[in-house]
Amino acid sequence: MSKTIIPAGYRSVLDLYDTQTAIGFIKRTFEDKFSSALGLKRVSAPLFVDPALGLNDNLSGVERPVSFDILETGEYAEVVHSLAKWKRLALYRYNFFPGNGLYTDMNAIRRDEELTNLHSIYVDQWDWEKVLPEGRRDEEYLRETVSQIVGAICDTQDAVQAKYGMTLPKLNREVTFLTAQELEDRWPDKTAKERERLIVKEAGTVFLQGIGHTLDGGKPHDGRAPDYDDWQLNGDILFYNPVLDDVIELSSMGIRVDAAALDKQLTKAGCDDRRGLYFHRLLLADMLPLTIGGGIGQSRMCLLLLGKVHIGEVQSSVWDEDTRRICEAAGVVLL
């Protein structure tokens, strides 16, 4: 059964042709503003990795990667879920220095993803990673970086609205920072997603910190792999989406684990078997730089800034029959 929702009276602001040109404009504009604000250099990145190196993102630990055999070598490769760990290794190999970093286009296939207005099995995002300045592995630097990213997104919205004469509601530049525990304390009887919706309807733009560790209620706010983000120094950038009257997560990010945090989180997550993998051995030996990084959804940003109702309006993917039928009946054109 499709979970697609089309609000009554929805009509796309732009036609197909203008939508395509606007997508390109958004991506170029945001890349310029974002990379300039954070001091990032664009690099090339892999579509697939060797699973034996431990570089693929395990997400919440249950998603199955797409894998294939290589005729020439007889070995297997996995299509990336994200580049969370590959980027940190790249900073090490390329000799990036403190205060500078990289970003890249990340394309992934997440075949176990639920299909909704905001979810597709095709994922496109800006993956980025930055070497922390000396002495800045702290909450203050995390929040400064979040504000810079939100500023770049809002600047991009301003440019889009000026170019296309759009009058969609402005995103809130002022970020409300709070922890997942504070959110649970406020609405203990609600689910995690219900809490997110309530807070973004109230605040507009939220950075929800502390994703992955167990809250007082006995569960984590959401799943997070134990071997890239420090669960105390990470979070999600959430915006209010007026078209769907709901929350939209544009970024998952955080200060990355150091050796001590990795050691602790691997044990908590029951993932001690990863200690022998190449990436994890380097990190546990303190050979990798201390970094901050994350991913920013490209299609989701285009959906939000263009006032679209379904992610299939801004990316080409494969959809179930119910979704196609619902969209067609409402005049929503899937690419």
C-alpha atoms as a PDB file:
ATOM      1  CA  MET A   1       0.000   0.000   0.000  1.00  0.00           C
ATOM      2  CA  SER A   2       1.412   3.344  -1.041  1.00  0.00           C
ATOM      3  CA  LYS A   3       2.087   5.943   1.669  1.00  0.00           C
ATOM      4  CA  THR A   4       1.967   8.786  -0.842  1.00  0.00           C
ATOM      5  CA  ILE A   5      -0.133  11.775   0.251  1.00  0.00           C
ATOM      6  CA  ILE A   6      -1.264  14.489  -2.181  1.00  0.00           C
ATOM      7  CA  PRO A   7      -2.927  17.437  -0.381  1.00  0.00           C
ATOM      8  CA  ALA A   8      -6.178  18.641  -1.929  1.00  0.00           C
ATOM      9  CA  GLY A   9      -5.638  21.385  -4.487  1.00  0.00           C
ATOM     10  CA  TYR A  10      -1.902  20.817  -4.925  1.00  0.00           C
ATOM     11  CA  ARG A  11      -0.430  22.139  -8.165  1.00  0.00           C
ATOM     12  CA  SER A  12       3.224  22.442  -9.041  1.00  0.00           C
ATOM     13  CA  VAL A  13       4.424  26.050  -9.213  1.00  0.00           C
ATOM     14  CA  LEU A  14       6.714  25.254 -12.157  1.00  0.00           C
ATOM     15  CA  ASP A  15       6.092  23.168 -15.269  1.00  0.00           C
ATOM     16  CA  LEU A  16       8.374  20.279 -16.253  1.00  0.00           C
ATOM     17  CA  TYR A  17      10.756  22.370 -18.335  1.00  0.00           C
ATOM     18  CA  ASP A  18      11.241  25.070 -15.723  1.00  0.00           C
ATOM     19  CA  THR A  19      11.509  22.416 -13.008  1.00  0.00           C
ATOM     20  CA  GLN A  20      14.471  20.854 -14.770  1.00  0.00           C
ATOM     21  CA  THR A  21      16.289  24.162 -15.177  1.00  0.00           C
ATOM     22  CA  ALA A  22      15.484  25.130 -11.577  1.00  0.00           C
ATOM     23  CA  ILE A  23      16.986  21.878 -10.263  1.00  0.00           C
ATOM     24  CA  GLY A  24      20.259  22.711 -11.992  1.00  0.00           C
ATOM     25  CA  PHE A  25      20.132  26.278 -10.683  1.00  0.00           C
ATOM     26  CA  ILE A  26      19.561  25.109  -7.102  1.00  0.00           C
ATOM     27  CA  LYS A  27      22.439  22.638  -7.214  1.00  0.00           C
ATOM     28  CA  ARG A  28      24.917  25.124  -8.679  1.00  0.00           C
ATOM     29  CA  THR A  29      23.869  27.914  -6.332  1.00  0.00           C
ATOM     30  CA  PHE A  30      23.938  25.826  -3.178  1.00  0.00           C
ATOM     31  CA  GLU A  31      27.289  24.220  -4.000  1.00  0.00           C
ATOM     32  CA  ASP A  32      28.881  27.652  -4.388  1.00  0.00           C
ATOM     33  CA  LYS A  33      27.428  29.052  -1.172  1.00  0.00           C
ATOM     34  CA  PHE A  34      27.946  25.911   0.884  1.00  0.00           C
ATOM     35  CA  SER A  35      31.531  25.170  -0.176  1.00  0.00           C
ATOM     36  CA  SER A  36      32.526  28.801   0.321  1.00  0.00           C
ATOM     37  CA  ALA A  37      30.984  28.983   3.805  1.00  0.00           C
ATOM     38  CA  LEU A  38      32.650  25.796   5.049  1.00  0.00           C
ATOM     39  CA  GLY A  39      35.943  25.946   3.117  1.00  0.00           C
ATOM     40  CA  LEU A  40      35.396  22.768   1.071  1.00  0.00           C
ATOM     41  CA  LYS A  41      37.038  21.459  -2.104  1.00  0.00           C
ATOM     42  CA  ARG A  42      35.091  19.329  -4.565  1.00  0.00           C
ATOM     43  CA  VAL A  43      36.485  15.806  -5.114  1.00  0.00           C
ATOM     44  CA  SER A  44      35.529  12.685  -7.045  1.00  0.00           C
ATOM     45  CA  ALA A  45      33.987   9.837  -5.091  1.00  0.00           C
ATOM     46  CA  PRO A  46      33.207   6.140  -5.607  1.00  0.00           C
ATOM     47  CA  LEU A  47      29.848   4.638  -6.495  1.00  0.00           C
ATOM     48  CA  PHE A  48      30.897   1.316  -4.940  1.00  0.00           C
ATOM     49  CA  VAL A  49      33.485   0.102  -2.427  1.00  0.00           C
ATOM     50  CA  ASP A  50      35.218  -3.084  -1.299  1.00  0.00           C
ATOM     51  CA  PRO A  51      33.129  -4.398   1.636  1.00  0.00           C
ATOM     52  CA  ALA A  52      36.229  -5.943   3.243  1.00  0.00           C
ATOM     53  CA  LEU A  53      37.592  -2.464   4.027  1.00  0.00           C
ATOM     54  CA  GLY A  54      34.656  -1.509   6.245  1.00  0.00           C
ATOM     55  CA  LEU A  55      34.053   1.718   4.303  1.00  0.00           C
ATOM     56  CA  ASN A  56      30.368   1.352   3.496  1.00  0.00           C
ATOM     57  CA  ASP A  57      27.832   3.112   5.671  1.00  0.00           C
ATOM     58  CA  ASN A  58      25.814   0.519   7.576  1.00  0.00           C
ATOM     59  CA  LEU A  59      23.035   3.045   8.296  1.00  0.00           C
ATOM     60  CA  SER A  60      20.894   1.572  11.079  1.00  0.00           C
ATOM     61  CA  GLY A  61      22.413  -1.882  10.613  1.00  0.00           C
ATOM     62  CA  VAL A  62      19.550  -3.715   8.911  1.00  0.00           C
ATOM     63  CA  GLU A  63      19.605  -2.314   5.353  1.00  0.00           C
ATOM     64  CA  ARG A  64      20.954  -4.632   2.660  1.00  0.00           C
ATOM     65  CA  PRO A  65      23.543  -3.105   0.327  1.00  0.00           C
ATOM     66  CA  VAL A  66      23.348  -3.747  -3.394  1.00  0.00           C
ATOM     67  CA  SER A  67      26.344  -5.899  -4.309  1.00  0.00           C
ATOM     68  CA  PHE A  68      27.735  -7.426  -7.476  1.00  0.00           C
ATOM     69  CA  ASP A  69      30.606  -9.621  -8.573  1.00  0.00           C
ATOM     70  CA  ILE A  70      33.456  -8.277 -10.712  1.00  0.00           C
ATOM     71  CA  LEU A  71      34.227 -10.537 -13.645  1.00  0.00           C
ATOM     72  CA  GLU A  72      37.905  -9.608 -13.906  1.00  0.00           C
ATOM     73  CA  THR A  73      38.796 -10.107 -10.228  1.00  0.00           C
ATOM     74  CA  GLY A  74      36.190 -12.570  -8.997  1.00  0.00           C
ATOM     75  CA  GLU A  75      35.573 -10.325  -5.986  1.00  0.00           C
ATOM     76  CA  TYR A  76      32.461  -8.483  -4.824  1.00  0.00           C
ATOM     77  CA  ALA A  77      31.786  -4.769  -4.490  1.00  0.00           C
ATOM     78  CA  GLU A  78      28.966  -2.923  -2.690  1.00  0.00           C
ATOM     79  CA  VAL A  79      27.117   0.137  -3.948  1.00  0.00           C
ATOM     80  CA  VAL A  80      27.571   2.757  -1.253  1.00  0.00           C
ATOM     81  CA  HIS A  81      24.782   3.665   1.155  1.00  0.00           C
ATOM     82  CA  SER A  82      26.667   6.868   1.846  1.00  0.00           C
ATOM     83  CA  LEU A  83      30.295   7.986   1.971  1.00  0.00           C
ATOM     84  CA  ALA A  84      30.421   8.643   5.715  1.00  0.00           C
ATOM     85  CA  LYS A  85      33.631   6.673   6.283  1.00  0.00           C
ATOM     86  CA  TRP A  86      35.199   6.930   2.829  1.00  0.00           C
ATOM     87  CA  LYS A  87      35.401  10.735   3.168  1.00  0.00           C
ATOM     88  CA  ARG A  88      37.393  10.599   6.373  1.00  0.00           C
ATOM     89  CA  LEU A  89      39.872   8.196   4.846  1.00  0.00           C
ATOM     90  CA  ALA A  90      40.124  10.505   1.816  1.00  0.00           C
ATOM     91  CA  LEU A  91      41.000  13.480   4.051  1.00  0.00           C
ATOM     92  CA  TYR A  92      43.786  11.350   5.546  1.00  0.00           C
ATOM     93  CA  ARG A  93      45.102  10.150   2.188  1.00  0.00           C
ATOM     94  CA  TYR A  94      44.890  13.559   0.476  1.00  0.00           C
ATOM     95  CA  ASN A  95      46.578  15.384   3.391  1.00  0.00           C
ATOM     96  CA  PHE A  96      43.818  17.912   4.047  1.00  0.00           C
ATOM     97  CA  PHE A  97      44.763  20.286   6.848  1.00  0.00           C
ATOM     98  CA  PRO A  98      42.721  21.525   9.851  1.00  0.00           C
ATOM     99  CA  GLY A  99      39.840  23.816   8.926  1.00  0.00           C
ATOM    100  CA  ASN A 100      39.547  22.552   5.337  1.00  0.00           C
ATOM    101  CA  GLY A 101      37.540  19.754   3.824  1.00  0.00           C
ATOM    102  CA  LEU A 102      35.876  18.147   0.833  1.00  0.00           C
ATOM    103  CA  TYR A 103      32.446  17.654  -0.675  1.00  0.00           C
ATOM    104  CA  THR A 104      31.214  15.414  -3.440  1.00  0.00           C
ATOM    105  CA  ASP A 105      28.101  14.169  -5.232  1.00  0.00           C
ATOM    106  CA  MET A 106      26.994  10.906  -3.644  1.00  0.00           C
ATOM    107  CA  ASN A 107      24.619   8.609  -5.506  1.00  0.00           C
ATOM    108  CA  ALA A 108      23.339   5.493  -3.805  1.00  0.00           C
ATOM    109  CA  ILE A 109      20.779   2.720  -4.071  1.00  0.00           C
ATOM    110  CA  ARG A 110      18.977   1.864  -0.840  1.00  0.00           C
ATOM    111  CA  ARG A 111      16.791  -1.020  -1.904  1.00  0.00           C
ATOM    112  CA  ASP A 112      15.153  -1.448   1.518  1.00  0.00           C
ATOM    113  CA  GLU A 113      13.995   2.195   1.709  1.00  0.00           C
ATOM    114  CA  GLU A 114      10.306   2.775   2.324  1.00  0.00           C
ATOM    115  CA  LEU A 115       8.660   4.572  -0.602  1.00  0.00           C
ATOM    116  CA  THR A 116       6.909   7.768   0.503  1.00  0.00           C
ATOM    117  CA  ASN A 117       6.616  11.403  -0.570  1.00  0.00           C
ATOM    118  CA  LEU A 118      10.169  11.955   0.714  1.00  0.00           C
ATOM    119  CA  HIS A 119      11.794   8.536   0.314  1.00  0.00           C
ATOM    120  CA  SER A 120      13.083   6.772  -2.775  1.00  0.00           C
ATOM    121  CA  ILE A 121      15.400   3.832  -3.364  1.00  0.00           C
ATOM    122  CA  TYR A 122      17.641   6.303  -5.247  1.00  0.00           C
ATOM    123  CA  VAL A 123      19.554   8.660  -2.966  1.00  0.00           C
ATOM    124  CA  ASP A 124      21.455  11.730  -4.141  1.00  0.00           C
ATOM    125  CA  GLN A 125      23.181  13.990  -1.674  1.00  0.00           C
ATOM    126  CA  TRP A 126      26.135  16.249  -1.113  1.00  0.00           C
ATOM    127  CA  ASP A 127      28.462  14.254   1.109  1.00  0.00           C
ATOM    128  CA  TRP A 128      30.987  16.450   2.891  1.00  0.00           C
ATOM    129  CA  GLU A 129      33.745  16.098   5.474  1.00  0.00           C
ATOM    130  CA  LYS A 130      36.058  18.604   7.104  1.00  0.00           C
ATOM    131  CA  VAL A 131      39.151  18.319   9.310  1.00  0.00           C
ATOM    132  CA  LEU A 132      38.360  19.971  12.627  1.00  0.00           C
ATOM    133  CA  PRO A 133      40.399  23.042  13.561  1.00  0.00           C
ATOM    134  CA  GLU A 134      42.751  22.406  16.458  1.00  0.00           C
ATOM    135  CA  GLY A 135      40.893  22.192  19.762  1.00  0.00           C
ATOM    136  CA  ARG A 136      37.404  22.446  18.218  1.00  0.00           C
ATOM    137  CA  ARG A 137      35.963  18.988  18.814  1.00  0.00           C
ATOM    138  CA  ASP A 138      33.064  20.484  20.739  1.00  0.00           C
ATOM    139  CA  GLU A 139      29.364  21.272  20.678  1.00  0.00           C
ATOM    140  CA  GLU A 140      29.936  24.953  19.947  1.00  0.00           C
ATOM    141  CA  TYR A 141      31.759  24.193  16.687  1.00  0.00           C
ATOM    142  CA  LEU A 142      29.049  21.691  15.719  1.00  0.00           C
ATOM    143  CA  ARG A 143      26.373  24.338  16.145  1.00  0.00           C
ATOM    144  CA  GLU A 144      28.393  26.999  14.307  1.00  0.00           C
ATOM    145  CA  THR A 145      28.661  24.630  11.340  1.00  0.00           C
ATOM    146  CA  VAL A 146      24.925  23.865  11.406  1.00  0.00           C
ATOM    147  CA  SER A 147      24.157  27.592  11.262  1.00  0.00           C
ATOM    148  CA  GLN A 148      26.480  28.014   8.268  1.00  0.00           C
ATOM    149  CA  ILE A 149      24.732  25.195   6.387  1.00  0.00           C
ATOM    150  CA  VAL A 150      21.269  26.559   7.185  1.00  0.00           C
ATOM    151  CA  GLY A 151      22.434  29.988   5.998  1.00  0.00           C
ATOM    152  CA  ALA A 152      23.582  28.525   2.661  1.00  0.00           C
ATOM    153  CA  ILE A 153      20.219  26.770   2.210  1.00  0.00           C
ATOM    154  CA  CYS A 154      18.284  29.969   2.963  1.00  0.00           C
ATOM    155  CA  ASP A 155      20.512  32.002   0.634  1.00  0.00           C
ATOM    156  CA  THR A 156      19.781  29.457  -2.101  1.00  0.00           C
ATOM    157  CA  GLN A 157      16.045  29.770  -1.487  1.00  0.00           C
ATOM    158  CA  ASP A 158      16.314  33.552  -1.817  1.00  0.00           C
ATOM    159  CA  ALA A 159      18.107  33.170  -5.164  1.00  0.00           C
ATOM    160  CA  VAL A 160      15.517  30.668  -6.463  1.00  0.00           C
ATOM    161  CA  GLN A 161      12.577  32.854  -5.482  1.00  0.00           C
ATOM    162  CA  ALA A 162      14.157  35.924  -7.054  1.00  0.00           C
ATOM    163  CA  LYS A 163      14.867  34.076 -10.312  1.00  0.00           C
ATOM    164  CA  TYR A 164      11.472  32.390 -10.691  1.00  0.00           C
ATOM    165  CA  GLY A 165       9.215  34.896  -8.908  1.00  0.00           C
ATOM    166  CA  MET A 166       8.081  32.287  -6.399  1.00  0.00           C
ATOM    167  CA  THR A 167       6.240  33.282  -3.222  1.00  0.00           C
ATOM    168  CA  LEU A 168       6.581  30.121  -1.153  1.00  0.00           C
ATOM    169  CA  PRO A 169       7.019  30.618   2.626  1.00  0.00           C
ATOM    170  CA  LYS A 170      10.553  31.585   3.632  1.00  0.00           C
ATOM    171  CA  LEU A 171      12.627  29.124   5.623  1.00  0.00           C
ATOM    172  CA  ASN A 172      13.532  30.242   9.122  1.00  0.00           C
ATOM    173  CA  ARG A 173      17.230  31.185   9.291  1.00  0.00           C
ATOM    174  CA  GLU A 174      17.212  31.046  13.085  1.00  0.00           C
ATOM    175  CA  VAL A 175      17.992  27.509  14.185  1.00  0.00           C
ATOM    176  CA  THR A 176      16.436  26.059  17.317  1.00  0.00           C
ATOM    177  CA  PHE A 177      18.981  23.740  18.929  1.00  0.00           C
ATOM    178  CA  LEU A 178      17.818  20.993  21.266  1.00  0.00           C
ATOM    179  CA  THR A 179      18.660  17.415  22.107  1.00  0.00           C
ATOM    180  CA  ALA A 180      16.644  14.290  21.418  1.00  0.00           C
ATOM    181  CA  GLN A 181      16.393  13.816  25.182  1.00  0.00           C
ATOM    182  CA  GLU A 182      14.947  17.304  25.643  1.00  0.00           C
ATOM    183  CA  LEU A 183      12.412  16.518  22.919  1.00  0.00           C
ATOM    184  CA  GLU A 184      11.436  13.254  24.604  1.00  0.00           C
ATOM    185  CA  ASP A 185      11.121  15.010  27.960  1.00  0.00           C
ATOM    186  CA  ARG A 186       8.721  17.515  26.421  1.00  0.00           C
ATOM    187  CA  TRP A 187       6.493  14.981  24.642  1.00  0.00           C
ATOM    188  CA  PRO A 188       7.139  11.609  26.339  1.00  0.00           C
ATOM    189  CA  ASP A 189       3.867  10.131  25.100  1.00  0.00           C
ATOM    190  CA  LYS A 190       4.594  10.827  21.419  1.00  0.00           C
ATOM    191  CA  THR A 191       6.623   8.819  18.907  1.00  0.00           C
ATOM    192  CA  ALA A 192       9.951  10.176  17.695  1.00  0.00           C
ATOM    193  CA  LYS A 193       8.490  11.304  14.367  1.00  0.00           C
ATOM    194  CA  GLU A 194       5.482  12.906  16.060  1.00  0.00           C
ATOM    195  CA  ARG A 195       7.864  14.889  18.293  1.00  0.00           C
ATOM    196  CA  GLU A 196       9.823  16.081  15.255  1.00  0.00           C
ATOM    197  CA  ARG A 197       6.666  17.308  13.553  1.00  0.00           C
ATOM    198  CA  LEU A 198       5.518  19.165  16.648  1.00  0.00           C
ATOM    199  CA  ILE A 199       8.822  20.971  17.162  1.00  0.00           C
ATOM    200  CA  VAL A 200       9.301  22.024  13.518  1.00  0.00           C
ATOM    201  CA  LYS A 201       5.740  23.345  13.314  1.00  0.00           C
ATOM    202  CA  GLU A 202       6.583  25.468  16.331  1.00  0.00           C
ATOM    203  CA  ALA A 203      10.162  26.525  15.479  1.00  0.00           C
ATOM    204  CA  GLY A 204      10.459  26.186  11.678  1.00  0.00           C
ATOM    205  CA  THR A 205      14.130  25.170  11.606  1.00  0.00           C
ATOM    206  CA  VAL A 206      15.580  22.725  14.142  1.00  0.00           C
ATOM    207  CA  PHE A 207      18.856  20.961  14.801  1.00  0.00           C
ATOM    208  CA  LEU A 208      18.017  17.847  16.789  1.00  0.00           C
ATOM    209  CA  GLN A 209      21.155  16.667  18.556  1.00  0.00           C
ATOM    210  CA  GLY A 210      22.054  13.277  20.019  1.00  0.00           C
ATOM    211  CA  ILE A 211      20.916  10.629  17.534  1.00  0.00           C
ATOM    212  CA  GLY A 212      21.847   7.002  18.145  1.00  0.00           C
ATOM    213  CA  HIS A 213      22.262   6.660  21.908  1.00  0.00           C
ATOM    214  CA  THR A 214      19.525   5.292  24.164  1.00  0.00           C
ATOM    215  CA  LEU A 215      17.238   7.922  25.702  1.00  0.00           C
ATOM    216  CA  ASP A 216      15.676   7.783  29.166  1.00  0.00           C
ATOM    217  CA  GLY A 217      12.569   6.243  27.619  1.00  0.00           C
ATOM    218  CA  GLY A 218      14.598   3.157  26.723  1.00  0.00           C
ATOM    219  CA  LYS A 219      15.036   3.675  22.974  1.00  0.00           C
ATOM    220  CA  PRO A 220      17.209   5.880  20.753  1.00  0.00           C
ATOM    221  CA  HIS A 221      15.430   8.696  18.910  1.00  0.00           C
ATOM    222  CA  ASP A 222      16.576   7.054  15.671  1.00  0.00           C
ATOM    223  CA  GLY A 223      19.158   4.512  14.568  1.00  0.00           C
ATOM    224  CA  ARG A 224      22.683   5.636  13.704  1.00  0.00           C
ATOM    225  CA  ALA A 225      25.700   3.488  12.840  1.00  0.00           C
ATOM    226  CA  PRO A 226      28.268   3.403  15.678  1.00  0.00           C
ATOM    227  CA  ASP A 227      31.386   3.993  13.601  1.00  0.00           C
ATOM    228  CA  TYR A 228      31.142   7.480  12.124  1.00  0.00           C
ATOM    229  CA  ASP A 229      29.125  10.011  14.206  1.00  0.00           C
ATOM    230  CA  ASP A 230      29.771  10.579  17.880  1.00  0.00           C
ATOM    231  CA  TRP A 231      26.249  10.008  19.230  1.00  0.00           C
ATOM    232  CA  GLN A 232      26.626  12.920  21.656  1.00  0.00           C
ATOM    233  CA  LEU A 233      27.870  15.369  19.007  1.00  0.00           C
ATOM    234  CA  ASN A 234      25.681  14.623  15.998  1.00  0.00           C
ATOM    235  CA  GLY A 235      22.195  15.489  14.820  1.00  0.00           C
ATOM    236  CA  ASP A 236      19.690  16.160  12.041  1.00  0.00           C
ATOM    237  CA  ILE A 237      18.792  19.465  10.386  1.00  0.00           C
ATOM    238  CA  LEU A 238      14.995  19.609  10.194  1.00  0.00           C
ATOM    239  CA  PHE A 239      12.779  22.127   8.389  1.00  0.00           C
ATOM    240  CA  TYR A 240       9.048  22.648   8.337  1.00  0.00           C
ATOM    241  CA  ASN A 241       7.598  21.663   4.962  1.00  0.00           C
ATOM    242  CA  PRO A 242       4.419  23.730   4.409  1.00  0.00           C
ATOM    243  CA  VAL A 243       3.284  21.754   1.344  1.00  0.00           C
ATOM    244  CA  LEU A 244       2.992  18.517   3.343  1.00  0.00           C
ATOM    245  CA  ASP A 245       2.468  20.247   6.702  1.00  0.00           C
ATOM    246  CA  ASP A 246       5.219  18.035   8.066  1.00  0.00           C
ATOM    247  CA  VAL A 247       8.906  17.803   8.908  1.00  0.00           C
ATOM    248  CA  ILE A 248      11.582  17.311   6.272  1.00  0.00           C
ATOM    249  CA  GLU A 249      15.083  16.215   7.243  1.00  0.00           C
ATOM    250  CA  LEU A 250      17.632  17.772   4.903  1.00  0.00           C
ATOM    251  CA  SER A 251      20.819  16.695   6.633  1.00  0.00           C
ATOM    252  CA  SER A 252      22.240  14.076   8.941  1.00  0.00           C
ATOM    253  CA  MET A 253      25.622  15.239  10.250  1.00  0.00           C
ATOM    254  CA  GLY A 254      27.941  15.430  13.204  1.00  0.00           C
ATOM    255  CA  ILE A 255      31.380  15.458  14.713  1.00  0.00           C
ATOM    256  CA  ARG A 256      32.891  12.068  14.017  1.00  0.00           C
ATOM    257  CA  VAL A 257      34.009   9.471  16.530  1.00  0.00           C
ATOM    258  CA  ASP A 258      37.514   9.600  17.897  1.00  0.00           C
ATOM    259  CA  ALA A 259      39.180   6.372  19.056  1.00  0.00           C
ATOM    260  CA  ALA A 260      37.573   6.514  22.506  1.00  0.00           C
ATOM    261  CA  ALA A 261      34.055   7.158  21.187  1.00  0.00           C
ATOM    262  CA  LEU A 262      34.407   4.440  18.542  1.00  0.00           C
ATOM    263  CA  ASP A 263      35.568   1.934  21.141  1.00  0.00           C
ATOM    264  CA  LYS A 264      32.582   2.738  23.355  1.00  0.00           C
ATOM    265  CA  GLN A 265      29.949   2.808  20.593  1.00  0.00           C
ATOM    266  CA  LEU A 266      31.079  -0.419  18.910  1.00  0.00           C
ATOM    267  CA  THR A 267      30.575  -2.242  22.185  1.00  0.00           C
ATOM    268  CA  LYS A 268      27.218  -0.579  22.892  1.00  0.00           C
ATOM    269  CA  ALA A 269      25.949  -1.477  19.416  1.00  0.00           C
ATOM    270  CA  GLY A 270      27.212  -5.057  19.575  1.00  0.00           C
ATOM    271  CA  CYS A 271      29.539  -4.413  16.626  1.00  0.00           C
ATOM    272  CA  ASP A 272      32.902  -5.411  18.101  1.00  0.00           C
ATOM    273  CA  ASP A 273      33.491  -7.625  15.058  1.00  0.00           C
ATOM    274  CA  ARG A 274      34.236  -4.436  13.050  1.00  0.00           C
ATOM    275  CA  ARG A 275      37.390  -3.698  15.048  1.00  0.00           C
ATOM    276  CA  GLY A 276      39.492  -5.773  12.655  1.00  0.00           C
ATOM    277  CA  LEU A 277      38.407  -3.915   9.495  1.00  0.00           C
ATOM    278  CA  TYR A 278      40.902  -1.613   7.792  1.00  0.00           C
ATOM    279  CA  PHE A 279      39.082   1.666   8.476  1.00  0.00           C
ATOM    280  CA  HIS A 280      38.395   0.789  12.095  1.00  0.00           C
ATOM    281  CA  ARG A 281      41.985  -0.307  12.778  1.00  0.00           C
ATOM    282  CA  LEU A 282      43.254   3.054  11.516  1.00  0.00           C
ATOM    283  CA  LEU A 283      40.759   4.972  13.634  1.00  0.00           C
ATOM    284  CA  LEU A 284      41.358   2.973  16.809  1.00  0.00           C
ATOM    285  CA  ALA A 285      45.095   3.605  16.340  1.00  0.00           C
ATOM    286  CA  ASP A 286      44.459   7.402  16.188  1.00  0.00           C
ATOM    287  CA  MET A 287      45.779   7.580  12.610  1.00  0.00           C
ATOM    288  CA  LEU A 288      42.799   9.378  11.061  1.00  0.00           C
ATOM    289  CA  PRO A 289      42.118  13.116  11.444  1.00  0.00           C
ATOM    290  CA  LEU A 290      39.410  14.400  13.763  1.00  0.00           C
ATOM    291  CA  THR A 291      36.566  15.483  11.490  1.00  0.00           C
ATOM    292  CA  ILE A 292      33.036  16.766  11.154  1.00  0.00           C
ATOM    293  CA  GLY A 293      30.809  15.820   8.249  1.00  0.00           C
ATOM    294  CA  GLY A 294      27.451  14.763   6.914  1.00  0.00           C
ATOM    295  CA  GLY A 295      25.134  14.466   3.974  1.00  0.00           C
ATOM    296  CA  ILE A 296      22.673  16.986   2.531  1.00  0.00           C
ATOM    297  CA  GLY A 297      19.840  15.647   0.395  1.00  0.00           C
ATOM    298  CA  GLN A 298      19.855  17.097  -3.125  1.00  0.00           C
ATOM    299  CA  SER A 299      16.415  15.960  -4.250  1.00  0.00           C
ATOM    300  CA  ARG A 300      14.903  16.832  -0.886  1.00  0.00           C
ATOM    301  CA  MET A 301      16.303  20.341  -1.070  1.00  0.00           C
ATOM    302  CA  CYS A 302      14.903  20.769  -4.578  1.00  0.00           C
ATOM    303  CA  LEU A 303      11.515  19.468  -3.409  1.00  0.00           C
ATOM    304  CA  LEU A 304      11.446  21.900  -0.481  1.00  0.00           C
ATOM    305  CA  LEU A 305      12.665  25.001  -2.334  1.00  0.00           C
ATOM    306  CA  LEU A 306      10.409  24.403  -5.352  1.00  0.00           C
ATOM    307  CA  GLY A 307       7.298  23.609  -3.323  1.00  0.00           C
ATOM    308  CA  LYS A 308       6.942  20.089  -4.711  1.00  0.00           C
ATOM    309  CA  VAL A 309       4.822  17.438  -3.030  1.00  0.00           C
ATOM    310  CA  HIS A 310       6.672  14.268  -4.092  1.00  0.00           C
ATOM    311  CA  ILE A 311      10.355  13.543  -4.476  1.00  0.00           C
ATOM    312  CA  GLY A 312       9.594  11.838  -7.788  1.00  0.00           C
ATOM    313  CA  GLU A 313       8.905  15.313  -9.213  1.00  0.00           C
ATOM    314  CA  VAL A 314      12.600  16.199  -8.876  1.00  0.00           C
ATOM    315  CA  GLN A 315      14.373  12.859  -9.420  1.00  0.00           C
ATOM    316  CA  SER A 316      13.978   9.812 -11.647  1.00  0.00           C
ATOM    317  CA  SER A 317      13.395   6.553  -9.794  1.00  0.00           C
ATOM    318  CA  VAL A 318      11.174   3.464  -9.740  1.00  0.00           C
ATOM    319  CA  TRP A 319       7.792   3.582  -8.010  1.00  0.00           C
ATOM    320  CA  ASP A 320       5.124   1.069  -7.073  1.00  0.00           C
ATOM    321  CA  GLU A 321       1.858   0.907  -9.001  1.00  0.00           C
ATOM    322  CA  ASP A 322      -0.199   2.535  -6.208  1.00  0.00           C
ATOM    323  CA  THR A 323       2.135   5.553  -6.073  1.00  0.00           C
ATOM    324  CA  ARG A 324       1.984   6.004  -9.841  1.00  0.00           C
ATOM    325  CA  ARG A 325      -1.816   5.765  -9.792  1.00  0.00           C
ATOM    326  CA  ILE A 326      -2.247   8.243  -6.922  1.00  0.00           C
ATOM    327  CA  CYS A 327       0.093  10.765  -8.517  1.00  0.00           C
ATOM    328  CA  GLU A 328      -1.479  10.462 -11.948  1.00  0.00           C
ATOM    329  CA  ALA A 329      -4.967  10.996 -10.511  1.00  0.00           C
ATOM    330  CA  ALA A 330      -3.776  14.176  -8.777  1.00  0.00           C
ATOM    331  CA  GLY A 331      -1.937  15.501 -11.834  1.00  0.00           C
ATOM    332  CA  VAL A 332       1.483  15.007 -10.233  1.00  0.00           C
ATOM    333  CA  VAL A 333       4.074  14.137 -12.894  1.00  0.00           C
ATOM    334  CA  LEU A 334       6.800  11.744 -11.781  1.00  0.00           C
ATOM    335  CA  LEU A 335      10.068  12.043 -13.689  1.00  0.00           C
END
